[in-house]
Amino acid sequence: MKESGRMISRKKKSGKEREEEKPKAPKGYVPVIAGAGEEKEKFMVHVELFKHPTMVVLLENAAEEFGYDHQRGVLRVPCNVQHFTQMLHLISSSSS
């Protein structure tokens, strides 16, 4: 899906399905897994979006919940997939 000139790609994941796999992210993007429990989705998020205050709070929450030692390869965020998707849409819209 294209958001204000930035690409945000999604791939559904269930359970622990290849969660530890190290994806090859395009230059300027960070692989992110959002979701809780069995419902998870992988996103490729442009680095510009991480400057937004909402994303900073989400990253702080991820650090509190998962710590820094477990954030290897793919960034995991403690956020419902639907809420994360909506947040990305809003952030992308406001960044343009």
PDB file of N, CA and C in Angstrom:
ATOM      1  N   MET A   1       0.847  -1.166   0.000  1.00  0.00           N
ATOM      2  CA  MET A   1       0.000   0.000   0.000  1.00  0.00           C
ATOM      3  C   MET A   1       0.890   1.225   0.000  1.00  0.00           C
ATOM      4  N   LYS A   2       0.490   2.252  -0.702  1.00  0.00           N
ATOM      5  CA  LYS A   2       1.306   3.455  -0.808  1.00  0.00           C
ATOM      6  C   LYS A   2       0.704   4.548   0.050  1.00  0.00           C
ATOM      7  N   GLU A   3       1.514   5.142   0.886  1.00  0.00           N
ATOM      8  CA  GLU A   3       1.062   6.178   1.810  1.00  0.00           C
ATOM      9  C   GLU A   3       1.912   7.421   1.611  1.00  0.00           C
ATOM     10  N   SER A   4       1.328   8.455   1.030  1.00  0.00           N
ATOM     11  CA  SER A   4       1.996   9.753   0.891  1.00  0.00           C
ATOM     12  C   SER A   4       3.420   9.613   0.347  1.00  0.00           C
ATOM     13  N   GLY A   5       3.579   8.858  -0.719  1.00  0.00           N
ATOM     14  CA  GLY A   5       4.883   8.707  -1.334  1.00  0.00           C
ATOM     15  C   GLY A   5       5.796   7.720  -0.636  1.00  0.00           C
ATOM     16  N   ARG A   6       5.332   7.089   0.442  1.00  0.00           N
ATOM     17  CA  ARG A   6       6.147   6.110   1.168  1.00  0.00           C
ATOM     18  C   ARG A   6       5.465   4.751   1.072  1.00  0.00           C
ATOM     19  N   MET A   7       6.246   3.736   0.921  1.00  0.00           N
ATOM     20  CA  MET A   7       5.684   2.400   0.836  1.00  0.00           C
ATOM     21  C   MET A   7       5.639   1.763   2.220  1.00  0.00           C
ATOM     22  N   ILE A   8       4.518   1.182   2.545  1.00  0.00           N
ATOM     23  CA  ILE A   8       4.363   0.406   3.767  1.00  0.00           C
ATOM     24  C   ILE A   8       3.823  -0.938   3.314  1.00  0.00           C
ATOM     25  N   SER A   9       4.640  -1.965   3.367  1.00  0.00           N
ATOM     26  CA  SER A   9       4.161  -3.262   2.917  1.00  0.00           C
ATOM     27  C   SER A   9       3.783  -4.117   4.113  1.00  0.00           C
ATOM     28  N   ARG A  10       2.844  -5.046   3.889  1.00  0.00           N
ATOM     29  CA  ARG A  10       2.330  -5.879   4.962  1.00  0.00           C
ATOM     30  C   ARG A  10       2.364  -7.340   4.550  1.00  0.00           C
ATOM     31  N   LYS A  11       2.585  -8.200   5.521  1.00  0.00           N
ATOM     32  CA  LYS A  11       2.525  -9.643   5.313  1.00  0.00           C
ATOM     33  C   LYS A  11       1.972 -10.266   6.582  1.00  0.00           C
ATOM     34  N   LYS A  12       0.857 -10.986   6.447  1.00  0.00           N
ATOM     35  CA  LYS A  12       0.239 -11.603   7.625  1.00  0.00           C
ATOM     36  C   LYS A  12       1.112 -12.720   8.153  1.00  0.00           C
ATOM     37  N   LYS A  13       1.143 -12.834   9.482  1.00  0.00           N
ATOM     38  CA  LYS A  13       1.874 -13.908  10.161  1.00  0.00           C
ATOM     39  C   LYS A  13       0.942 -14.505  11.195  1.00  0.00           C
ATOM     40  N   SER A  14       1.086 -15.771  11.425  1.00  0.00           N
ATOM     41  CA  SER A  14       0.308 -16.408  12.487  1.00  0.00           C
ATOM     42  C   SER A  14       1.246 -17.167  13.400  1.00  0.00           C
ATOM     43  N   GLY A  15       0.998 -17.044  14.704  1.00  0.00           N
ATOM     44  CA  GLY A  15       1.824 -17.743  15.678  1.00  0.00           C
ATOM     45  C   GLY A  15       3.275 -17.351  15.595  1.00  0.00           C
ATOM     46  N   LYS A  16       4.151 -18.351  15.662  1.00  0.00           N
ATOM     47  CA  LYS A  16       5.591 -18.103  15.643  1.00  0.00           C
ATOM     48  C   LYS A  16       6.175 -18.329  14.262  1.00  0.00           C
ATOM     49  N   GLU A  17       5.332 -18.317  13.248  1.00  0.00           N
ATOM     50  CA  GLU A  17       5.730 -18.595  11.880  1.00  0.00           C
ATOM     51  C   GLU A  17       6.873 -17.697  11.418  1.00  0.00           C
ATOM     52  N   ARG A  18       8.054 -18.246  11.378  1.00  0.00           N
ATOM     53  CA  ARG A  18       9.249 -17.576  10.886  1.00  0.00           C
ATOM     54  C   ARG A  18       9.468 -16.196  11.487  1.00  0.00           C
ATOM     55  N   GLU A  19       9.048 -16.002  12.723  1.00  0.00           N
ATOM     56  CA  GLU A  19       9.195 -14.704  13.385  1.00  0.00           C
ATOM     57  C   GLU A  19      10.668 -14.347  13.553  1.00  0.00           C
ATOM     58  N   GLU A  20      11.510 -15.342  13.696  1.00  0.00           N
ATOM     59  CA  GLU A  20      12.932 -15.095  13.912  1.00  0.00           C
ATOM     60  C   GLU A  20      13.685 -14.914  12.604  1.00  0.00           C
ATOM     61  N   GLU A  21      13.018 -15.136  11.474  1.00  0.00           N
ATOM     62  CA  GLU A  21      13.646 -14.980  10.174  1.00  0.00           C
ATOM     63  C   GLU A  21      14.083 -13.536   9.975  1.00  0.00           C
ATOM     64  N   LYS A  22      15.268 -13.333   9.424  1.00  0.00           N
ATOM     65  CA  LYS A  22      15.765 -11.978   9.195  1.00  0.00           C
ATOM     66  C   LYS A  22      15.408 -11.567   7.770  1.00  0.00           C
ATOM     67  N   PRO A  23      14.394 -10.700   7.625  1.00  0.00           N
ATOM     68  CA  PRO A  23      14.002 -10.279   6.278  1.00  0.00           C
ATOM     69  C   PRO A  23      14.997  -9.274   5.706  1.00  0.00           C
ATOM     70  N   LYS A  24      15.045  -9.208   4.396  1.00  0.00           N
ATOM     71  CA  LYS A  24      15.887  -8.215   3.742  1.00  0.00           C
ATOM     72  C   LYS A  24      15.020  -6.996   3.476  1.00  0.00           C
ATOM     73  N   ALA A  25      15.284  -5.953   4.220  1.00  0.00           N
ATOM     74  CA  ALA A  25      14.499  -4.728   4.094  1.00  0.00           C
ATOM     75  C   ALA A  25      15.103  -3.845   3.011  1.00  0.00           C
ATOM     76  N   PRO A  26      14.251  -3.207   2.218  1.00  0.00           N
ATOM     77  CA  PRO A  26      14.765  -2.242   1.249  1.00  0.00           C
ATOM     78  C   PRO A  26      15.455  -1.094   1.979  1.00  0.00           C
ATOM     79  N   LYS A  27      16.369  -0.445   1.308  1.00  0.00           N
ATOM     80  CA  LYS A  27      17.083   0.680   1.911  1.00  0.00           C
ATOM     81  C   LYS A  27      16.086   1.741   2.378  1.00  0.00           C
ATOM     82  N   GLY A  28      16.263   2.175   3.637  1.00  0.00           N
ATOM     83  CA  GLY A  28      15.397   3.210   4.191  1.00  0.00           C
ATOM     84  C   GLY A  28      14.174   2.668   4.915  1.00  0.00           C
ATOM     85  N   TYR A  29      14.052   1.350   5.029  1.00  0.00           N
ATOM     86  CA  TYR A  29      12.900   0.733   5.677  1.00  0.00           C
ATOM     87  C   TYR A  29      13.345  -0.167   6.821  1.00  0.00           C
ATOM     88  N   VAL A  30      12.460  -0.329   7.806  1.00  0.00           N
ATOM     89  CA  VAL A  30      12.728  -1.171   8.963  1.00  0.00           C
ATOM     90  C   VAL A  30      11.628  -2.231   9.032  1.00  0.00           C
ATOM     91  N   PRO A  31      12.006  -3.507   9.150  1.00  0.00           N
ATOM     92  CA  PRO A  31      10.975  -4.536   9.319  1.00  0.00           C
ATOM     93  C   PRO A  31      10.395  -4.473  10.728  1.00  0.00           C
ATOM     94  N   VAL A  32       9.074  -4.470  10.819  1.00  0.00           N
ATOM     95  CA  VAL A  32       8.375  -4.357  12.096  1.00  0.00           C
ATOM     96  C   VAL A  32       7.300  -5.430  12.158  1.00  0.00           C
ATOM     97  N   ILE A  33       7.218  -6.133  13.288  1.00  0.00           N
ATOM     98  CA  ILE A  33       6.120  -7.067  13.519  1.00  0.00           C
ATOM     99  C   ILE A  33       5.223  -6.453  14.576  1.00  0.00           C
ATOM    100  N   ALA A  34       3.958  -6.268  14.202  1.00  0.00           N
ATOM    101  CA  ALA A  34       2.958  -5.732  15.128  1.00  0.00           C
ATOM    102  C   ALA A  34       1.961  -6.835  15.432  1.00  0.00           C
ATOM    103  N   GLY A  35       1.412  -6.787  16.624  1.00  0.00           N
ATOM    104  CA  GLY A  35       0.376  -7.740  16.977  1.00  0.00           C
ATOM    105  C   GLY A  35       0.621  -8.373  18.318  1.00  0.00           C
ATOM    106  N   ALA A  36      -0.414  -9.030  18.779  1.00  0.00           N
ATOM    107  CA  ALA A  36      -0.346  -9.722  20.057  1.00  0.00           C
ATOM    108  C   ALA A  36      -0.971 -11.100  19.892  1.00  0.00           C
ATOM    109  N   GLY A  37      -0.490 -12.044  20.658  1.00  0.00           N
ATOM    110  CA  GLY A  37      -1.039 -13.393  20.580  1.00  0.00           C
ATOM    111  C   GLY A  37      -0.770 -14.031  19.237  1.00  0.00           C
ATOM    112  N   GLU A  38      -1.789 -14.610  18.659  1.00  0.00           N
ATOM    113  CA  GLU A  38      -1.645 -15.321  17.388  1.00  0.00           C
ATOM    114  C   GLU A  38      -1.684 -14.393  16.177  1.00  0.00           C
ATOM    115  N   GLU A  39      -2.334 -13.245  16.287  1.00  0.00           N
ATOM    116  CA  GLU A  39      -2.462 -12.343  15.149  1.00  0.00           C
ATOM    117  C   GLU A  39      -1.260 -11.414  15.082  1.00  0.00           C
ATOM    118  N   LYS A  40      -0.449 -11.606  14.061  1.00  0.00           N
ATOM    119  CA  LYS A  40       0.712 -10.750  13.854  1.00  0.00           C
ATOM    120  C   LYS A  40       0.838 -10.453  12.377  1.00  0.00           C
ATOM    121  N   GLU A  41       1.359  -9.277  12.089  1.00  0.00           N
ATOM    122  CA  GLU A  41       1.653  -8.915  10.705  1.00  0.00           C
ATOM    123  C   GLU A  41       2.997  -8.243  10.649  1.00  0.00           C
ATOM    124  N   LYS A  42       3.680  -8.481   9.551  1.00  0.00           N
ATOM    125  CA  LYS A  42       4.979  -7.854   9.332  1.00  0.00           C
ATOM    126  C   LYS A  42       4.792  -6.663   8.396  1.00  0.00           C
ATOM    127  N   PHE A  43       5.437  -5.566   8.741  1.00  0.00           N
ATOM    128  CA  PHE A  43       5.378  -4.339   7.961  1.00  0.00           C
ATOM    129  C   PHE A  43       6.798  -3.900   7.630  1.00  0.00           C
ATOM    130  N   MET A  44       6.983  -3.257   6.521  1.00  0.00           N
ATOM    131  CA  MET A  44       8.223  -2.563   6.204  1.00  0.00           C
ATOM    132  C   MET A  44       7.895  -1.076   6.326  1.00  0.00           C
ATOM    133  N   VAL A  45       8.474  -0.444   7.336  1.00  0.00           N
ATOM    134  CA  VAL A  45       8.126   0.936   7.667  1.00  0.00           C
ATOM    135  C   VAL A  45       9.302   1.852   7.334  1.00  0.00           C
ATOM    136  N   HIS A  46       9.024   2.927   6.628  1.00  0.00           N
ATOM    137  CA  HIS A  46      10.060   3.889   6.257  1.00  0.00           C
ATOM    138  C   HIS A  46      10.621   4.560   7.509  1.00  0.00           C
ATOM    139  N   VAL A  47      11.927   4.750   7.545  1.00  0.00           N
ATOM    140  CA  VAL A  47      12.583   5.303   8.732  1.00  0.00           C
ATOM    141  C   VAL A  47      12.064   6.690   9.098  1.00  0.00           C
ATOM    142  N   GLU A  48      11.604   7.468   8.140  1.00  0.00           N
ATOM    143  CA  GLU A  48      11.068   8.809   8.417  1.00  0.00           C
ATOM    144  C   GLU A  48       9.910   8.760   9.415  1.00  0.00           C
ATOM    145  N   LEU A  49       9.126   7.685   9.360  1.00  0.00           N
ATOM    146  CA  LEU A  49       7.949   7.589  10.228  1.00  0.00           C
ATOM    147  C   LEU A  49       8.323   7.416  11.696  1.00  0.00           C
ATOM    148  N   PHE A  50       9.549   6.966  11.975  1.00  0.00           N
ATOM    149  CA  PHE A  50       9.979   6.761  13.353  1.00  0.00           C
ATOM    150  C   PHE A  50      10.277   8.071  14.083  1.00  0.00           C
ATOM    151  N   LYS A  51      10.268   9.189  13.376  1.00  0.00           N
ATOM    152  CA  LYS A  51      10.472  10.495  14.006  1.00  0.00           C
ATOM    153  C   LYS A  51       9.196  11.025  14.662  1.00  0.00           C
ATOM    154  N   HIS A  52       8.061  10.490  14.254  1.00  0.00           N
ATOM    155  CA  HIS A  52       6.774  10.980  14.752  1.00  0.00           C
ATOM    156  C   HIS A  52       6.632  10.664  16.240  1.00  0.00           C
ATOM    157  N   PRO A  53       6.111  11.606  17.048  1.00  0.00           N
ATOM    158  CA  PRO A  53       5.982  11.397  18.495  1.00  0.00           C
ATOM    159  C   PRO A  53       5.183  10.142  18.877  1.00  0.00           C
ATOM    160  N   THR A  54       4.166   9.809  18.109  1.00  0.00           N
ATOM    161  CA  THR A  54       3.383   8.607  18.394  1.00  0.00           C
ATOM    162  C   THR A  54       4.232   7.355  18.240  1.00  0.00           C
ATOM    163  N   MET A  55       5.057   7.331  17.213  1.00  0.00           N
ATOM    164  CA  MET A  55       5.928   6.180  16.982  1.00  0.00           C
ATOM    165  C   MET A  55       7.007   6.104  18.057  1.00  0.00           C
ATOM    166  N   VAL A  56       7.483   7.245  18.526  1.00  0.00           N
ATOM    167  CA  VAL A  56       8.482   7.266  19.601  1.00  0.00           C
ATOM    168  C   VAL A  56       7.909   6.621  20.860  1.00  0.00           C
ATOM    169  N   VAL A  57       6.672   6.944  21.197  1.00  0.00           N
ATOM    170  CA  VAL A  57       6.016   6.343  22.364  1.00  0.00           C
ATOM    171  C   VAL A  57       5.872   4.836  22.169  1.00  0.00           C
ATOM    172  N   LEU A  58       5.492   4.421  20.976  1.00  0.00           N
ATOM    173  CA  LEU A  58       5.355   2.993  20.696  1.00  0.00           C
ATOM    174  C   LEU A  58       6.693   2.270  20.830  1.00  0.00           C
ATOM    175  N   LEU A  59       7.776   2.903  20.383  1.00  0.00           N
ATOM    176  CA  LEU A  59       9.105   2.308  20.522  1.00  0.00           C
ATOM    177  C   LEU A  59       9.525   2.209  21.989  1.00  0.00           C
ATOM    178  N   GLU A  60       9.172   3.214  22.779  1.00  0.00           N
ATOM    179  CA  GLU A  60       9.460   3.166  24.214  1.00  0.00           C
ATOM    180  C   GLU A  60       8.696   2.020  24.873  1.00  0.00           C
ATOM    181  N   ASN A  61       7.442   1.824  24.465  1.00  0.00           N
ATOM    182  CA  ASN A  61       6.642   0.712  24.994  1.00  0.00           C
ATOM    183  C   ASN A  61       7.247  -0.632  24.601  1.00  0.00           C
ATOM    184  N   ALA A  62       7.739  -0.732  23.375  1.00  0.00           N
ATOM    185  CA  ALA A  62       8.376  -1.971  22.917  1.00  0.00           C
ATOM    186  C   ALA A  62       9.624  -2.259  23.738  1.00  0.00           C
ATOM    187  N   ALA A  63      10.406  -1.228  24.031  1.00  0.00           N
ATOM    188  CA  ALA A  63      11.622  -1.402  24.830  1.00  0.00           C
ATOM    189  C   ALA A  63      11.278  -1.863  26.244  1.00  0.00           C
ATOM    190  N   GLU A  64      10.204  -1.306  26.818  1.00  0.00           N
ATOM    191  CA  GLU A  64       9.777  -1.711  28.157  1.00  0.00           C
ATOM    192  C   GLU A  64       9.286  -3.156  28.185  1.00  0.00           C
ATOM    193  N   GLU A  65       8.503  -3.527  27.170  1.00  0.00           N
ATOM    194  CA  GLU A  65       7.909  -4.865  27.165  1.00  0.00           C
ATOM    195  C   GLU A  65       8.894  -5.953  26.748  1.00  0.00           C
ATOM    196  N   PHE A  66       9.685  -5.694  25.706  1.00  0.00           N
ATOM    197  CA  PHE A  66      10.550  -6.729  25.149  1.00  0.00           C
ATOM    198  C   PHE A  66      12.022  -6.536  25.507  1.00  0.00           C
ATOM    199  N   GLY A  67      12.395  -5.344  25.928  1.00  0.00           N
ATOM    200  CA  GLY A  67      13.797  -5.054  26.194  1.00  0.00           C
ATOM    201  C   GLY A  67      14.564  -4.829  24.899  1.00  0.00           C
ATOM    202  N   TYR A  68      15.813  -4.495  25.036  1.00  0.00           N
ATOM    203  CA  TYR A  68      16.634  -4.232  23.860  1.00  0.00           C
ATOM    204  C   TYR A  68      17.310  -5.503  23.352  1.00  0.00           C
ATOM    205  N   ASP A  69      17.496  -6.485  24.218  1.00  0.00           N
ATOM    206  CA  ASP A  69      18.202  -7.706  23.834  1.00  0.00           C
ATOM    207  C   ASP A  69      17.420  -8.567  22.854  1.00  0.00           C
ATOM    208  N   HIS A  70      16.095  -8.461  22.870  1.00  0.00           N
ATOM    209  CA  HIS A  70      15.269  -9.326  22.027  1.00  0.00           C
ATOM    210  C   HIS A  70      14.862  -8.656  20.721  1.00  0.00           C
ATOM    211  N   GLN A  71      15.352  -7.491  20.446  1.00  0.00           N
ATOM    212  CA  GLN A  71      14.983  -6.758  19.244  1.00  0.00           C
ATOM    213  C   GLN A  71      16.061  -6.952  18.178  1.00  0.00           C
ATOM    214  N   ARG A  72      16.209  -8.163  17.705  1.00  0.00           N
ATOM    215  CA  ARG A  72      17.218  -8.466  16.690  1.00  0.00           C
ATOM    216  C   ARG A  72      16.542  -8.774  15.370  1.00  0.00           C
ATOM    217  N   GLY A  73      17.020  -8.151  14.297  1.00  0.00           N
ATOM    218  CA  GLY A  73      16.501  -8.454  12.965  1.00  0.00           C
ATOM    219  C   GLY A  73      15.189  -7.768  12.655  1.00  0.00           C
ATOM    220  N   VAL A  74      14.166  -8.060  13.441  1.00  0.00           N
ATOM    221  CA  VAL A  74      12.840  -7.491  13.218  1.00  0.00           C
ATOM    222  C   VAL A  74      12.409  -6.800  14.501  1.00  0.00           C
ATOM    223  N   LEU A  75      11.942  -5.588  14.374  1.00  0.00           N
ATOM    224  CA  LEU A  75      11.464  -4.830  15.521  1.00  0.00           C
ATOM    225  C   LEU A  75      10.051  -5.295  15.869  1.00  0.00           C
ATOM    226  N   ARG A  76       9.833  -5.680  17.100  1.00  0.00           N
ATOM    227  CA  ARG A  76       8.507  -6.099  17.556  1.00  0.00           C
ATOM    228  C   ARG A  76       7.878  -4.965  18.361  1.00  0.00           C
ATOM    229  N   VAL A  77       6.616  -4.679  18.067  1.00  0.00           N
ATOM    230  CA  VAL A  77       5.923  -3.619  18.798  1.00  0.00           C
ATOM    231  C   VAL A  77       4.651  -4.191  19.426  1.00  0.00           C
ATOM    232  N   PRO A  78       4.380  -3.813  20.683  1.00  0.00           N
ATOM    233  CA  PRO A  78       3.196  -4.312  21.381  1.00  0.00           C
ATOM    234  C   PRO A  78       1.964  -3.495  21.009  1.00  0.00           C
ATOM    235  N   CYS A  79       1.436  -3.783  19.832  1.00  0.00           N
ATOM    236  CA  CYS A  79       0.313  -2.996  19.335  1.00  0.00           C
ATOM    237  C   CYS A  79      -0.580  -3.897  18.485  1.00  0.00           C
ATOM    238  N   ASN A  80      -1.873  -3.802  18.675  1.00  0.00           N
ATOM    239  CA  ASN A  80      -2.843  -4.513  17.866  1.00  0.00           C
ATOM    240  C   ASN A  80      -2.605  -4.173  16.385  1.00  0.00           C
ATOM    241  N   VAL A  81      -2.720  -5.169  15.503  1.00  0.00           N
ATOM    242  CA  VAL A  81      -2.437  -4.972  14.079  1.00  0.00           C
ATOM    243  C   VAL A  81      -3.312  -3.872  13.487  1.00  0.00           C
ATOM    244  N   GLN A  82      -4.586  -3.881  13.797  1.00  0.00           N
ATOM    245  CA  GLN A  82      -5.497  -2.869  13.257  1.00  0.00           C
ATOM    246  C   GLN A  82      -5.120  -1.467  13.736  1.00  0.00           C
ATOM    247  N   HIS A  83      -4.790  -1.336  15.024  1.00  0.00           N
ATOM    248  CA  HIS A  83      -4.388  -0.027  15.557  1.00  0.00           C
ATOM    249  C   HIS A  83      -3.073   0.435  14.939  1.00  0.00           C
ATOM    250  N   PHE A  84      -2.142  -0.483  14.757  1.00  0.00           N
ATOM    251  CA  PHE A  84      -0.854  -0.134  14.156  1.00  0.00           C
ATOM    252  C   PHE A  84      -1.050   0.344  12.722  1.00  0.00           C
ATOM    253  N   THR A  85      -1.905  -0.346  11.983  1.00  0.00           N
ATOM    254  CA  THR A  85      -2.194   0.047  10.603  1.00  0.00           C
ATOM    255  C   THR A  85      -2.804   1.443  10.552  1.00  0.00           C
ATOM    256  N   GLN A  86      -3.771   1.696  11.425  1.00  0.00           N
ATOM    257  CA  GLN A  86      -4.402   3.025  11.473  1.00  0.00           C
ATOM    258  C   GLN A  86      -3.388   4.099  11.846  1.00  0.00           C
ATOM    259  N   MET A  87      -2.526   3.782  12.811  1.00  0.00           N
ATOM    260  CA  MET A  87      -1.508   4.733  13.232  1.00  0.00           C
ATOM    261  C   MET A  87      -0.570   5.062  12.067  1.00  0.00           C
ATOM    262  N   LEU A  88      -0.150   4.046  11.314  1.00  0.00           N
ATOM    263  CA  LEU A  88       0.735   4.282  10.169  1.00  0.00           C
ATOM    264  C   LEU A  88       0.065   5.177   9.127  1.00  0.00           C
ATOM    265  N   HIS A  89      -1.222   4.953   8.876  1.00  0.00           N
ATOM    266  CA  HIS A  89      -1.960   5.791   7.926  1.00  0.00           C
ATOM    267  C   HIS A  89      -1.966   7.251   8.384  1.00  0.00           C
ATOM    268  N   LEU A  90      -2.256   7.453   9.684  1.00  0.00           N
ATOM    269  CA  LEU A  90      -2.324   8.810  10.218  1.00  0.00           C
ATOM    270  C   LEU A  90      -0.950   9.496  10.188  1.00  0.00           C
ATOM    271  N   ILE A  91       0.077   8.764  10.580  1.00  0.00           N
ATOM    272  CA  ILE A  91       1.427   9.323  10.601  1.00  0.00           C
ATOM    273  C   ILE A  91       1.874   9.654   9.184  1.00  0.00           C
ATOM    274  N   SER A  92       1.608   8.747   8.244  1.00  0.00           N
ATOM    275  CA  SER A  92       2.005   8.981   6.850  1.00  0.00           C
ATOM    276  C   SER A  92       1.302  10.209   6.281  1.00  0.00           C
ATOM    277  N   SER A  93       0.034  10.351   6.617  1.00  0.00           N
ATOM    278  CA  SER A  93      -0.747  11.496   6.126  1.00  0.00           C
ATOM    279  C   SER A  93      -0.216  12.804   6.695  1.00  0.00           C
ATOM    280  N   SER A  94       0.158  12.808   7.977  1.00  0.00           N
ATOM    281  CA  SER A  94       0.611  14.041   8.611  1.00  0.00           C
ATOM    282  C   SER A  94       2.050  14.393   8.234  1.00  0.00           C
ATOM    283  N   SER A  95       2.807  13.405   7.742  1.00  0.00           N
ATOM    284  CA  SER A  95       4.222  13.646   7.377  1.00  0.00           C
ATOM    285  C   SER A  95       4.371  14.249   5.994  1.00  0.00           C
ATOM    286  N   SER A  96       3.297  14.245   5.206  1.00  0.00           N
ATOM    287  CA  SER A  96       3.423  14.755   3.838  1.00  0.00           C
ATOM    288  C   SER A  96       3.316  16.243   3.735  1.00  0.00           C
TER     289      SER A  96
END
